[in-house]
Amino acid sequence: MLRLSGLAPGDYAVAVIHDANGNGKLDTFMGIPREGFGFSRNPVIGFGPPRFSAAQFPLQGGSDRQEVKLRYLL
């Protein structure tokens, strides 16, 4: 679990990468991620990352919870 605080109200999106080998980047093979990844609202994934609008959620103040499912393709 990751907890963020002090965010101003607005529209947000979250991208998560499981950097399995700790090299600080998402490793790919022929453009296909070799490590886990996910986005807020768990949008359908095609080629490339989803549009901001597919992953965005409003933060009005107070707290909100987003569950991001990691996907592994290779």
N, C-alpha and C. Protein backbone atom coordinates (compact mmCIF):
# COMPACT_ATOMS: atom_id res chain seq x y z
N MET A 1 0.85 -1.17 0.00
CA MET A 1 0.00 0.00 0.00
C MET A 1 0.90 1.23 0.00
N LEU A 2 0.50 2.21 -0.77
CA LEU A 2 1.18 3.50 -0.83
C LEU A 2 0.18 4.56 -0.43
N ARG A 3 0.56 5.40 0.50
CA ARG A 3 -0.33 6.46 0.97
C ARG A 3 0.29 7.81 0.62
N LEU A 4 -0.49 8.65 -0.05
CA LEU A 4 -0.07 10.01 -0.39
C LEU A 4 -0.92 10.98 0.39
N SER A 5 -0.32 12.06 0.84
CA SER A 5 -1.09 13.07 1.58
C SER A 5 -0.74 14.46 1.07
N GLY A 6 -1.61 15.40 1.36
CA GLY A 6 -1.37 16.79 0.99
C GLY A 6 -1.66 17.10 -0.47
N LEU A 7 -2.42 16.24 -1.15
CA LEU A 7 -2.75 16.51 -2.55
C LEU A 7 -3.91 17.51 -2.64
N ALA A 8 -3.78 18.44 -3.55
CA ALA A 8 -4.84 19.42 -3.78
C ALA A 8 -6.00 18.75 -4.51
N PRO A 9 -7.23 19.22 -4.30
CA PRO A 9 -8.36 18.67 -5.06
C PRO A 9 -8.11 18.83 -6.57
N GLY A 10 -8.56 17.86 -7.33
CA GLY A 10 -8.39 17.89 -8.78
C GLY A 10 -8.51 16.51 -9.37
N ASP A 11 -8.17 16.39 -10.64
CA ASP A 11 -8.21 15.11 -11.33
C ASP A 11 -6.81 14.51 -11.37
N TYR A 12 -6.71 13.25 -11.02
CA TYR A 12 -5.43 12.55 -10.94
C TYR A 12 -5.51 11.23 -11.69
N ALA A 13 -4.36 10.69 -12.03
CA ALA A 13 -4.24 9.34 -12.56
C ALA A 13 -2.95 8.76 -11.97
N VAL A 14 -2.94 7.45 -11.76
CA VAL A 14 -1.78 6.78 -11.17
C VAL A 14 -1.28 5.72 -12.13
N ALA A 15 0.03 5.69 -12.34
CA ALA A 15 0.68 4.61 -13.10
C ALA A 15 1.65 3.92 -12.15
N VAL A 16 1.65 2.60 -12.17
CA VAL A 16 2.48 1.81 -11.27
C VAL A 16 3.31 0.84 -12.10
N ILE A 17 4.59 0.73 -11.77
CA ILE A 17 5.49 -0.22 -12.43
C ILE A 17 6.16 -1.07 -11.37
N HIS A 18 6.19 -2.38 -11.58
CA HIS A 18 6.93 -3.29 -10.72
C HIS A 18 8.32 -3.44 -11.33
N ASP A 19 9.27 -2.66 -10.80
CA ASP A 19 10.65 -2.69 -11.29
C ASP A 19 11.35 -3.89 -10.67
N ALA A 20 11.11 -5.07 -11.23
CA ALA A 20 11.57 -6.33 -10.64
C ALA A 20 13.07 -6.42 -10.51
N ASN A 21 13.81 -5.83 -11.43
CA ASN A 21 15.27 -5.92 -11.35
C ASN A 21 15.93 -4.66 -10.79
N GLY A 22 15.14 -3.67 -10.39
CA GLY A 22 15.67 -2.49 -9.72
C GLY A 22 16.51 -1.57 -10.58
N ASN A 23 16.31 -1.58 -11.91
CA ASN A 23 17.13 -0.71 -12.76
C ASN A 23 16.51 0.66 -13.01
N GLY A 24 15.37 0.94 -12.37
CA GLY A 24 14.77 2.27 -12.46
C GLY A 24 13.96 2.54 -13.71
N LYS A 25 13.65 1.48 -14.48
CA LYS A 25 12.84 1.69 -15.68
C LYS A 25 12.00 0.45 -15.96
N LEU A 26 11.00 0.61 -16.83
CA LEU A 26 10.17 -0.51 -17.27
C LEU A 26 10.88 -1.20 -18.42
N ASP A 27 11.30 -2.43 -18.23
CA ASP A 27 11.97 -3.18 -19.28
C ASP A 27 10.94 -3.73 -20.26
N THR A 28 11.28 -3.67 -21.54
CA THR A 28 10.39 -4.18 -22.58
C THR A 28 11.15 -5.10 -23.52
N PHE A 29 10.41 -5.91 -24.24
CA PHE A 29 10.94 -6.75 -25.30
C PHE A 29 10.06 -6.53 -26.52
N MET A 30 10.63 -5.93 -27.55
CA MET A 30 9.88 -5.57 -28.76
C MET A 30 8.66 -4.73 -28.41
N GLY A 31 8.80 -3.81 -27.44
CA GLY A 31 7.73 -2.91 -27.05
C GLY A 31 6.74 -3.48 -26.05
N ILE A 32 6.89 -4.75 -25.69
CA ILE A 32 5.98 -5.40 -24.74
C ILE A 32 6.63 -5.38 -23.36
N PRO A 33 5.95 -4.86 -22.34
CA PRO A 33 6.54 -4.80 -20.99
C PRO A 33 6.91 -6.20 -20.48
N ARG A 34 8.12 -6.29 -19.93
CA ARG A 34 8.59 -7.55 -19.32
C ARG A 34 8.38 -7.54 -17.81
N GLU A 35 7.93 -6.41 -17.28
CA GLU A 35 7.69 -6.27 -15.84
C GLU A 35 6.23 -5.86 -15.65
N GLY A 36 5.76 -5.98 -14.43
CA GLY A 36 4.37 -5.65 -14.14
C GLY A 36 4.10 -4.16 -14.23
N PHE A 37 2.87 -3.83 -14.59
CA PHE A 37 2.44 -2.44 -14.69
C PHE A 37 0.94 -2.36 -14.43
N GLY A 38 0.48 -1.18 -14.07
CA GLY A 38 -0.95 -0.97 -13.85
C GLY A 38 -1.28 0.50 -13.79
N PHE A 39 -2.58 0.80 -13.90
CA PHE A 39 -3.05 2.18 -13.90
C PHE A 39 -4.30 2.29 -13.03
N SER A 40 -4.52 3.47 -12.48
CA SER A 40 -5.75 3.70 -11.71
C SER A 40 -6.96 3.43 -12.59
N ARG A 41 -8.02 2.97 -11.97
CA ARG A 41 -9.28 2.58 -12.60
C ARG A 41 -9.14 1.35 -13.49
N ASN A 42 -7.94 0.75 -13.56
CA ASN A 42 -7.70 -0.49 -14.29
C ASN A 42 -8.33 -0.50 -15.69
N PRO A 43 -7.94 0.48 -16.54
CA PRO A 43 -8.54 0.54 -17.88
C PRO A 43 -8.08 -0.62 -18.76
N VAL A 44 -8.82 -0.84 -19.83
CA VAL A 44 -8.42 -1.83 -20.82
C VAL A 44 -7.12 -1.36 -21.47
N ILE A 45 -6.18 -2.28 -21.65
CA ILE A 45 -4.89 -1.94 -22.22
C ILE A 45 -4.82 -2.43 -23.66
N GLY A 46 -4.45 -1.53 -24.56
CA GLY A 46 -4.22 -1.88 -25.96
C GLY A 46 -2.73 -1.74 -26.21
N PHE A 47 -2.38 -1.06 -27.27
CA PHE A 47 -0.99 -0.76 -27.55
C PHE A 47 -0.63 0.56 -26.89
N GLY A 48 0.33 0.56 -26.01
CA GLY A 48 0.74 1.76 -25.30
C GLY A 48 -0.11 2.02 -24.07
N PRO A 49 0.26 3.03 -23.32
CA PRO A 49 -0.49 3.35 -22.11
C PRO A 49 -1.87 3.91 -22.43
N PRO A 50 -2.80 3.82 -21.49
CA PRO A 50 -4.13 4.38 -21.73
C PRO A 50 -4.10 5.90 -21.73
N ARG A 51 -5.13 6.48 -22.27
CA ARG A 51 -5.26 7.95 -22.20
C ARG A 51 -5.48 8.35 -20.74
N PHE A 52 -5.11 9.59 -20.43
CA PHE A 52 -5.31 10.10 -19.08
C PHE A 52 -6.76 9.95 -18.66
N SER A 53 -7.69 10.25 -19.58
CA SER A 53 -9.11 10.20 -19.25
C SER A 53 -9.57 8.80 -18.85
N ALA A 54 -8.91 7.76 -19.33
CA ALA A 54 -9.29 6.39 -18.98
C ALA A 54 -8.84 6.00 -17.58
N ALA A 55 -7.81 6.67 -17.08
CA ALA A 55 -7.27 6.33 -15.76
C ALA A 55 -7.57 7.39 -14.70
N GLN A 56 -8.11 8.52 -15.08
CA GLN A 56 -8.29 9.62 -14.13
C GLN A 56 -9.42 9.37 -13.14
N PHE A 57 -9.26 9.96 -11.99
CA PHE A 57 -10.29 9.94 -10.95
C PHE A 57 -10.27 11.28 -10.25
N PRO A 58 -11.43 11.77 -9.81
CA PRO A 58 -11.48 13.07 -9.13
C PRO A 58 -11.11 12.90 -7.66
N LEU A 59 -10.37 13.85 -7.16
CA LEU A 59 -10.06 13.91 -5.73
C LEU A 59 -10.65 15.21 -5.22
N GLN A 60 -11.69 15.11 -4.41
CA GLN A 60 -12.41 16.28 -3.94
C GLN A 60 -11.86 16.84 -2.64
N GLY A 61 -11.10 16.08 -1.94
CA GLY A 61 -10.62 16.44 -0.61
C GLY A 61 -10.89 15.26 0.30
N GLY A 62 -10.25 15.23 1.41
CA GLY A 62 -10.41 14.07 2.28
C GLY A 62 -9.59 12.91 1.73
N SER A 63 -10.15 11.72 1.75
CA SER A 63 -9.39 10.57 1.30
C SER A 63 -10.11 9.84 0.18
N ASP A 64 -9.35 9.12 -0.60
CA ASP A 64 -9.87 8.29 -1.68
C ASP A 64 -8.97 7.08 -1.77
N ARG A 65 -9.51 5.98 -2.23
CA ARG A 65 -8.73 4.76 -2.35
C ARG A 65 -8.80 4.27 -3.79
N GLN A 66 -7.65 3.95 -4.35
CA GLN A 66 -7.57 3.40 -5.69
C GLN A 66 -6.88 2.05 -5.61
N GLU A 67 -7.49 1.04 -6.19
CA GLU A 67 -6.88 -0.28 -6.24
C GLU A 67 -6.36 -0.48 -7.66
N VAL A 68 -5.05 -0.69 -7.78
CA VAL A 68 -4.42 -0.87 -9.08
C VAL A 68 -4.00 -2.33 -9.21
N LYS A 69 -4.51 -2.99 -10.24
CA LYS A 69 -4.15 -4.38 -10.49
C LYS A 69 -2.94 -4.41 -11.41
N LEU A 70 -1.88 -5.08 -10.97
CA LEU A 70 -0.69 -5.20 -11.80
C LEU A 70 -0.91 -6.27 -12.86
N ARG A 71 -0.44 -5.97 -14.07
CA ARG A 71 -0.54 -6.91 -15.19
C ARG A 71 0.87 -7.33 -15.60
N TYR A 72 1.01 -8.58 -15.91
CA TYR A 72 2.27 -9.14 -16.37
C TYR A 72 2.01 -9.81 -17.73
N LEU A 73 2.66 -9.33 -18.77
CA LEU A 73 2.42 -9.85 -20.12
C LEU A 73 3.43 -10.90 -20.55
N LEU A 74 4.66 -10.82 -20.10
CA LEU A 74 5.70 -11.80 -20.46
C LEU A 74 6.21 -12.52 -19.24
